[in-house]
N, C-alpha and C. Protein backbone atom coordinates (compact mmCIF):
# COMPACT_ATOMS: atom_id res chain seq x y z
N MET A 1 153.84 145.12 48.11
CA MET A 1 153.71 143.93 48.89
C MET A 1 152.34 143.93 49.57
N ARG A 2 151.68 142.79 49.55
CA ARG A 2 150.35 142.64 50.15
C ARG A 2 150.45 142.37 51.64
N ASP A 3 149.50 142.98 52.38
CA ASP A 3 149.42 142.68 53.82
C ASP A 3 148.75 141.32 54.01
N ARG A 4 149.22 140.62 54.98
CA ARG A 4 148.61 139.33 55.30
C ARG A 4 147.47 139.54 56.28
N ILE A 5 146.38 138.86 56.03
CA ILE A 5 145.23 138.91 56.93
C ILE A 5 145.08 137.53 57.55
N SER A 6 144.99 137.53 58.84
CA SER A 6 144.83 136.28 59.56
C SER A 6 143.43 136.23 60.16
N ILE A 7 142.72 135.16 59.89
CA ILE A 7 141.37 134.99 60.41
C ILE A 7 141.35 133.75 61.29
N ARG A 8 140.83 133.93 62.46
CA ARG A 8 140.71 132.79 63.37
C ARG A 8 139.23 132.58 63.67
N ILE A 9 138.76 131.40 63.45
CA ILE A 9 137.35 131.07 63.67
C ILE A 9 137.25 130.18 64.91
N ASN A 10 136.49 130.66 65.87
CA ASN A 10 136.27 129.87 67.09
C ASN A 10 134.92 129.19 66.99
N ASN A 11 134.89 127.95 67.31
CA ASN A 11 133.65 127.19 67.27
C ASN A 11 133.07 127.11 68.68
N HIS A 12 131.94 127.74 68.90
CA HIS A 12 131.27 127.75 70.20
C HIS A 12 130.00 126.92 70.20
N THR A 13 129.89 126.02 69.24
CA THR A 13 128.69 125.20 69.11
C THR A 13 128.40 124.42 70.38
N GLY A 14 129.40 123.83 70.97
CA GLY A 14 129.22 123.03 72.19
C GLY A 14 128.69 123.88 73.33
N GLU A 15 129.22 125.08 73.48
CA GLU A 15 128.77 125.97 74.55
C GLU A 15 127.32 126.40 74.33
N VAL A 16 126.98 126.70 73.09
CA VAL A 16 125.60 127.10 72.77
C VAL A 16 124.65 125.95 73.03
N MET A 17 125.02 124.75 72.60
CA MET A 17 124.15 123.59 72.81
C MET A 17 123.95 123.30 74.30
N GLU A 18 124.99 123.46 75.09
CA GLU A 18 124.87 123.25 76.53
C GLU A 18 123.95 124.30 77.16
N ALA A 19 124.07 125.54 76.71
CA ALA A 19 123.17 126.60 77.21
C ALA A 19 121.72 126.29 76.85
N VAL A 20 121.50 125.80 75.64
CA VAL A 20 120.14 125.43 75.21
C VAL A 20 119.62 124.28 76.08
N ARG A 21 120.45 123.28 76.34
CA ARG A 21 120.03 122.16 77.19
C ARG A 21 119.66 122.63 78.59
N GLN A 22 120.48 123.50 79.16
CA GLN A 22 120.21 123.99 80.52
C GLN A 22 118.94 124.83 80.58
N LYS A 23 118.75 125.69 79.61
CA LYS A 23 117.55 126.54 79.59
C LYS A 23 116.30 125.72 79.31
N THR A 24 116.42 124.69 78.49
CA THR A 24 115.28 123.81 78.21
C THR A 24 114.90 123.05 79.47
N ALA A 25 115.88 122.55 80.20
CA ALA A 25 115.60 121.85 81.46
C ALA A 25 114.94 122.79 82.46
N LEU A 26 115.40 124.04 82.52
CA LEU A 26 114.79 125.03 83.41
C LEU A 26 113.35 125.31 82.99
N ALA A 27 113.12 125.49 81.71
CA ALA A 27 111.76 125.76 81.21
C ALA A 27 110.82 124.60 81.55
N LEU A 28 111.27 123.37 81.32
CA LEU A 28 110.44 122.21 81.62
C LEU A 28 110.14 122.11 83.11
N SER A 29 111.14 122.37 83.94
CA SER A 29 110.94 122.31 85.39
C SER A 29 109.94 123.37 85.85
N LEU A 30 110.07 124.58 85.34
CA LEU A 30 109.13 125.64 85.71
C LEU A 30 107.71 125.32 85.24
N MET A 31 107.60 124.77 84.05
CA MET A 31 106.28 124.37 83.54
C MET A 31 105.69 123.26 84.40
N GLY A 32 106.53 122.30 84.80
CA GLY A 32 106.06 121.23 85.68
C GLY A 32 105.57 121.77 87.01
N GLU A 33 106.26 122.77 87.53
CA GLU A 33 105.86 123.39 88.79
C GLU A 33 104.49 124.06 88.67
N VAL A 34 104.25 124.73 87.55
CA VAL A 34 102.96 125.38 87.31
C VAL A 34 101.85 124.34 87.22
N VAL A 35 102.07 123.30 86.43
CA VAL A 35 101.05 122.24 86.26
C VAL A 35 100.79 121.55 87.59
N GLU A 36 101.85 121.25 88.34
CA GLU A 36 101.68 120.62 89.65
C GLU A 36 100.82 121.48 90.56
N GLY A 37 101.04 122.77 90.56
CA GLY A 37 100.25 123.68 91.40
C GLY A 37 98.78 123.66 91.05
N TYR A 38 98.47 123.73 89.76
CA TYR A 38 97.07 123.69 89.34
C TYR A 38 96.44 122.34 89.64
N ALA A 39 97.20 121.26 89.48
CA ALA A 39 96.69 119.92 89.79
C ALA A 39 96.36 119.81 91.27
N LYS A 40 97.22 120.34 92.13
CA LYS A 40 96.96 120.29 93.58
C LYS A 40 95.74 121.13 93.94
N ASP A 41 95.55 122.26 93.25
CA ASP A 41 94.38 123.10 93.52
C ASP A 41 93.07 122.36 93.23
N ASP A 42 93.06 121.53 92.19
CA ASP A 42 91.83 120.84 91.75
C ASP A 42 91.73 119.40 92.21
N CYS A 43 92.73 118.89 92.91
CA CYS A 43 92.76 117.48 93.32
C CYS A 43 91.69 117.20 94.37
N PRO A 44 90.88 116.15 94.16
CA PRO A 44 89.95 115.74 95.21
C PRO A 44 90.71 115.35 96.47
N VAL A 45 90.19 115.75 97.63
CA VAL A 45 90.89 115.51 98.90
C VAL A 45 90.00 114.75 99.86
N ASP A 46 90.53 113.65 100.36
CA ASP A 46 89.88 112.90 101.43
C ASP A 46 90.83 112.95 102.62
N THR A 47 92.00 112.30 102.46
CA THR A 47 93.01 112.32 103.52
C THR A 47 94.13 113.31 103.21
N GLY A 48 94.28 113.70 101.97
CA GLY A 48 95.37 114.59 101.56
C GLY A 48 96.54 113.85 100.97
N LEU A 49 96.54 112.52 101.02
CA LEU A 49 97.66 111.73 100.52
C LEU A 49 97.88 111.96 99.02
N LEU A 50 96.82 111.87 98.24
CA LEU A 50 96.96 112.04 96.80
C LEU A 50 97.48 113.43 96.46
N ARG A 51 96.87 114.44 97.03
CA ARG A 51 97.32 115.82 96.76
C ARG A 51 98.79 116.01 97.17
N ASN A 52 99.16 115.50 98.32
CA ASN A 52 100.54 115.66 98.80
C ASN A 52 101.54 114.86 97.97
N SER A 53 101.08 113.82 97.31
CA SER A 53 102.00 113.00 96.51
C SER A 53 102.23 113.57 95.11
N LEU A 54 101.41 114.53 94.69
CA LEU A 54 101.59 115.12 93.36
C LEU A 54 102.92 115.85 93.31
N THR A 55 103.68 115.58 92.28
CA THR A 55 104.99 116.20 92.13
C THR A 55 105.35 116.25 90.65
N HIS A 56 106.46 116.87 90.36
CA HIS A 56 106.95 116.91 88.99
C HIS A 56 108.44 116.62 88.99
N GLY A 57 108.91 116.14 87.87
CA GLY A 57 110.33 115.84 87.75
C GLY A 57 110.69 115.53 86.32
N PRO A 58 111.95 115.65 85.97
CA PRO A 58 112.38 115.36 84.60
C PRO A 58 112.27 113.88 84.29
N GLY A 59 112.14 113.57 83.00
CA GLY A 59 112.08 112.17 82.59
C GLY A 59 113.28 111.38 83.04
N LYS A 60 114.40 112.06 83.23
CA LYS A 60 115.61 111.40 83.73
C LYS A 60 115.92 112.02 85.08
N GLY A 61 115.78 111.27 86.12
CA GLY A 61 116.06 111.81 87.45
C GLY A 61 114.84 111.76 88.35
N ALA A 62 114.98 112.28 89.52
CA ALA A 62 113.91 112.23 90.52
C ALA A 62 113.16 113.55 90.57
N PRO A 63 111.89 113.51 90.98
CA PRO A 63 111.11 114.74 91.10
C PRO A 63 111.52 115.53 92.33
N LYS A 64 110.89 116.69 92.50
CA LYS A 64 111.21 117.57 93.62
C LYS A 64 110.81 116.95 94.96
N ILE A 65 109.68 116.25 95.00
CA ILE A 65 109.21 115.63 96.24
C ILE A 65 109.49 114.14 96.15
N THR A 66 110.13 113.57 97.14
CA THR A 66 110.43 112.14 97.11
C THR A 66 109.70 111.37 98.20
N SER A 67 109.06 112.05 99.12
CA SER A 67 108.22 111.36 100.10
C SER A 67 107.08 112.30 100.50
N TYR A 68 106.01 111.73 101.02
CA TYR A 68 104.82 112.51 101.32
C TYR A 68 103.99 111.76 102.33
N HIS A 69 102.99 112.44 102.90
CA HIS A 69 102.11 111.80 103.87
C HIS A 69 100.71 112.43 103.78
N ALA A 70 99.75 111.76 104.34
CA ALA A 70 98.38 112.27 104.34
C ALA A 70 98.23 113.34 105.42
N ASP A 71 97.33 114.30 105.15
CA ASP A 71 97.04 115.30 106.18
C ASP A 71 96.35 114.65 107.38
N THR A 72 95.39 113.77 107.06
CA THR A 72 94.64 113.07 108.12
C THR A 72 94.55 111.60 107.76
N PRO A 73 95.52 110.79 108.21
CA PRO A 73 95.50 109.37 107.88
C PRO A 73 94.25 108.68 108.40
N LYS A 74 93.79 107.69 107.66
CA LYS A 74 92.63 106.90 108.08
C LYS A 74 93.07 105.47 108.36
N PRO A 75 92.47 104.83 109.32
CA PRO A 75 92.83 103.43 109.62
C PRO A 75 92.67 102.54 108.39
N GLY A 76 93.66 101.72 108.14
CA GLY A 76 93.60 100.78 107.03
C GLY A 76 93.97 101.38 105.69
N ARG A 77 94.30 102.67 105.63
CA ARG A 77 94.68 103.30 104.37
C ARG A 77 96.10 103.82 104.49
N PRO A 78 96.87 103.74 103.41
CA PRO A 78 98.25 104.22 103.48
C PRO A 78 98.29 105.70 103.82
N SER A 79 99.25 106.10 104.63
CA SER A 79 99.34 107.49 105.01
C SER A 79 100.65 108.13 104.58
N SER A 80 101.49 107.38 103.89
CA SER A 80 102.73 107.96 103.38
C SER A 80 103.17 107.18 102.16
N GLY A 81 104.15 107.70 101.46
CA GLY A 81 104.64 107.03 100.27
C GLY A 81 105.98 107.59 99.88
N SER A 82 106.57 107.03 98.82
CA SER A 82 107.83 107.54 98.32
C SER A 82 107.87 107.37 96.82
N TYR A 83 108.73 108.13 96.17
CA TYR A 83 108.89 108.09 94.73
C TYR A 83 109.68 106.85 94.33
N PRO A 84 109.23 106.11 93.32
CA PRO A 84 109.88 104.85 92.98
C PRO A 84 111.22 104.97 92.26
N GLY A 85 111.54 106.11 91.67
CA GLY A 85 112.82 106.24 90.98
C GLY A 85 112.63 106.73 89.56
N SER A 86 113.70 106.71 88.76
CA SER A 86 113.68 107.21 87.39
C SER A 86 112.67 106.44 86.55
N LEU A 87 111.99 107.17 85.67
CA LEU A 87 110.91 106.56 84.90
C LEU A 87 111.35 105.93 83.59
N ASN A 88 112.06 106.69 82.74
CA ASN A 88 112.43 106.08 81.47
C ASN A 88 113.69 106.65 80.83
N GLY A 89 114.39 107.51 81.48
CA GLY A 89 115.65 108.01 80.95
C GLY A 89 115.55 109.15 79.96
N LYS A 90 114.35 109.60 79.59
CA LYS A 90 114.22 110.73 78.67
C LYS A 90 114.72 111.99 79.34
N VAL A 91 115.23 112.89 78.55
CA VAL A 91 115.67 114.16 79.10
C VAL A 91 114.88 115.33 78.52
N ASP A 92 113.96 115.04 77.62
CA ASP A 92 113.23 116.10 76.93
C ASP A 92 111.77 116.19 77.37
N CYS A 93 111.50 115.80 78.59
CA CYS A 93 110.13 115.86 79.07
C CYS A 93 110.11 116.09 80.58
N GLU A 94 108.97 116.49 81.08
CA GLU A 94 108.77 116.70 82.51
C GLU A 94 107.51 115.92 82.88
N TYR A 95 107.60 115.11 83.90
CA TYR A 95 106.46 114.34 84.37
C TYR A 95 105.78 115.07 85.53
N VAL A 96 104.46 115.05 85.51
CA VAL A 96 103.68 115.56 86.63
C VAL A 96 102.71 114.46 86.98
N GLY A 97 102.70 114.04 88.24
CA GLY A 97 101.80 112.97 88.61
C GLY A 97 102.04 112.48 90.02
N SER A 98 101.57 111.26 90.25
CA SER A 98 101.62 110.65 91.57
C SER A 98 101.85 109.16 91.40
N ASN A 99 102.43 108.53 92.41
CA ASN A 99 102.54 107.08 92.40
C ASN A 99 101.60 106.45 93.41
N VAL A 100 100.65 107.24 93.93
CA VAL A 100 99.64 106.69 94.83
C VAL A 100 98.78 105.74 94.02
N GLU A 101 98.54 104.56 94.55
CA GLU A 101 97.87 103.48 93.83
C GLU A 101 96.53 103.89 93.22
N TYR A 102 95.74 104.67 93.91
CA TYR A 102 94.39 105.00 93.43
C TYR A 102 94.34 106.31 92.64
N ALA A 103 95.47 106.90 92.33
CA ALA A 103 95.49 108.19 91.62
C ALA A 103 94.78 108.11 90.27
N GLN A 104 95.00 107.05 89.52
CA GLN A 104 94.37 106.95 88.20
C GLN A 104 92.86 106.86 88.30
N TYR A 105 92.34 106.22 89.33
CA TYR A 105 90.89 106.11 89.49
C TYR A 105 90.28 107.47 89.80
N VAL A 106 90.95 108.24 90.63
CA VAL A 106 90.44 109.57 90.97
C VAL A 106 90.53 110.48 89.75
N GLU A 107 91.61 110.40 88.99
CA GLU A 107 91.78 111.22 87.78
C GLU A 107 90.68 110.96 86.76
N PHE A 108 90.31 109.70 86.57
CA PHE A 108 89.36 109.36 85.51
C PHE A 108 87.94 109.12 86.01
N MET A 109 87.68 109.28 87.28
CA MET A 109 86.36 109.06 87.86
C MET A 109 85.47 110.25 87.53
N ASP A 110 84.47 110.02 86.69
CA ASP A 110 83.56 111.09 86.29
C ASP A 110 82.36 111.15 87.22
N ARG A 111 82.62 111.53 88.45
CA ARG A 111 81.54 111.77 89.39
C ARG A 111 81.89 113.00 90.19
N SER A 112 80.90 113.55 90.83
CA SER A 112 81.18 114.77 91.57
C SER A 112 81.99 114.44 92.83
N HIS A 113 82.84 115.36 93.20
CA HIS A 113 83.66 115.24 94.39
C HIS A 113 83.29 116.38 95.33
N VAL A 114 83.34 116.14 96.61
CA VAL A 114 83.05 117.19 97.58
C VAL A 114 84.09 118.30 97.44
N VAL A 115 85.35 117.91 97.32
CA VAL A 115 86.44 118.86 97.11
C VAL A 115 87.22 118.39 95.90
N GLY A 116 87.48 119.27 94.94
CA GLY A 116 88.25 118.91 93.76
C GLY A 116 87.37 118.36 92.66
N LYS A 117 88.03 117.83 91.62
CA LYS A 117 87.30 117.33 90.46
C LYS A 117 88.08 116.24 89.75
N ALA A 118 87.37 115.49 88.92
CA ALA A 118 88.03 114.50 88.08
C ALA A 118 88.86 115.22 87.02
N HIS A 119 89.79 114.55 86.43
CA HIS A 119 90.65 115.08 85.38
C HIS A 119 91.48 116.28 85.86
N PHE A 120 91.84 116.26 87.13
CA PHE A 120 92.61 117.37 87.70
C PHE A 120 94.00 117.46 87.10
N LEU A 121 94.61 116.33 86.73
CA LEU A 121 95.93 116.37 86.10
C LEU A 121 95.85 116.84 84.64
N ARG A 122 94.95 116.24 83.89
CA ARG A 122 94.80 116.62 82.48
C ARG A 122 94.49 118.10 82.36
N ASP A 123 93.51 118.56 83.13
CA ASP A 123 93.09 119.95 83.05
C ASP A 123 94.18 120.92 83.52
N ALA A 124 95.02 120.50 84.45
CA ALA A 124 96.09 121.37 84.94
C ALA A 124 97.03 121.78 83.82
N GLY A 125 97.23 120.91 82.86
CA GLY A 125 98.06 121.25 81.71
C GLY A 125 97.27 121.87 80.58
N GLN A 126 96.17 121.25 80.21
CA GLN A 126 95.41 121.70 79.04
C GLN A 126 94.74 123.06 79.23
N ASN A 127 94.33 123.38 80.43
CA ASN A 127 93.60 124.63 80.65
C ASN A 127 94.51 125.83 80.87
N HIS A 128 95.82 125.61 80.82
CA HIS A 128 96.76 126.70 81.10
C HIS A 128 97.88 126.77 80.06
N VAL A 129 97.55 126.43 78.84
CA VAL A 129 98.56 126.36 77.78
C VAL A 129 99.22 127.73 77.55
N ASP A 130 98.44 128.79 77.54
CA ASP A 130 99.02 130.12 77.31
C ASP A 130 100.02 130.49 78.41
N GLU A 131 99.68 130.20 79.66
CA GLU A 131 100.59 130.50 80.77
C GLU A 131 101.86 129.66 80.65
N LEU A 132 101.71 128.39 80.29
CA LEU A 132 102.88 127.51 80.13
C LEU A 132 103.77 128.00 79.00
N ARG A 133 103.17 128.48 77.93
CA ARG A 133 103.94 129.03 76.80
C ARG A 133 104.74 130.25 77.26
N ASP A 134 104.12 131.10 78.07
CA ASP A 134 104.81 132.29 78.58
C ASP A 134 105.97 131.91 79.50
N VAL A 135 105.76 130.90 80.35
CA VAL A 135 106.80 130.43 81.26
C VAL A 135 107.99 129.91 80.46
N ALA A 136 107.71 129.11 79.44
CA ALA A 136 108.78 128.57 78.59
C ALA A 136 109.51 129.68 77.87
N ALA A 137 108.78 130.63 77.32
CA ALA A 137 109.41 131.73 76.58
C ALA A 137 110.32 132.55 77.50
N ALA A 138 109.87 132.80 78.72
CA ALA A 138 110.69 133.57 79.66
C ALA A 138 111.97 132.82 80.02
N ALA A 139 111.86 131.52 80.23
CA ALA A 139 113.04 130.72 80.59
C ALA A 139 114.03 130.63 79.44
N LEU A 140 113.52 130.57 78.23
CA LEU A 140 114.40 130.39 77.06
C LEU A 140 114.90 131.71 76.48
N SER A 141 114.37 132.82 76.93
CA SER A 141 114.66 134.12 76.31
C SER A 141 116.12 134.57 76.47
N SER A 142 116.82 134.05 77.46
CA SER A 142 118.19 134.53 77.70
C SER A 142 119.26 133.65 77.07
N ILE A 143 118.88 132.81 76.13
CA ILE A 143 119.89 131.94 75.47
C ILE A 143 120.73 132.80 74.56
């Protein structure tokens, strides 16, 4: 008489996919934090409003900073602001930036600044690709 063998297969695909989603969100958030830090280091500063408004957040949801103010407000210039809300519903990206009205002019202004430099946002990501790769690898390594 033959022995019966019973095989039970458990499907853990959903659990694995959820772990991947969570680790990916963590990796993106950590990368956003790194880029935000470098952008703040290189951001031109007059009142501090632009630098203080720089933040990061997932494509779906709000960033870490939702309100900000200038270090030294000037008469006739805004001295505080707030985040406008979700940008586009994506979940596979991290935004780094500002909603200060003049941010784009400072980013693309190719002139010398007393403090900081033009292209501070672009360079914050592009000049640190190896570090960002390491941050992502560390966050994803425990899947």
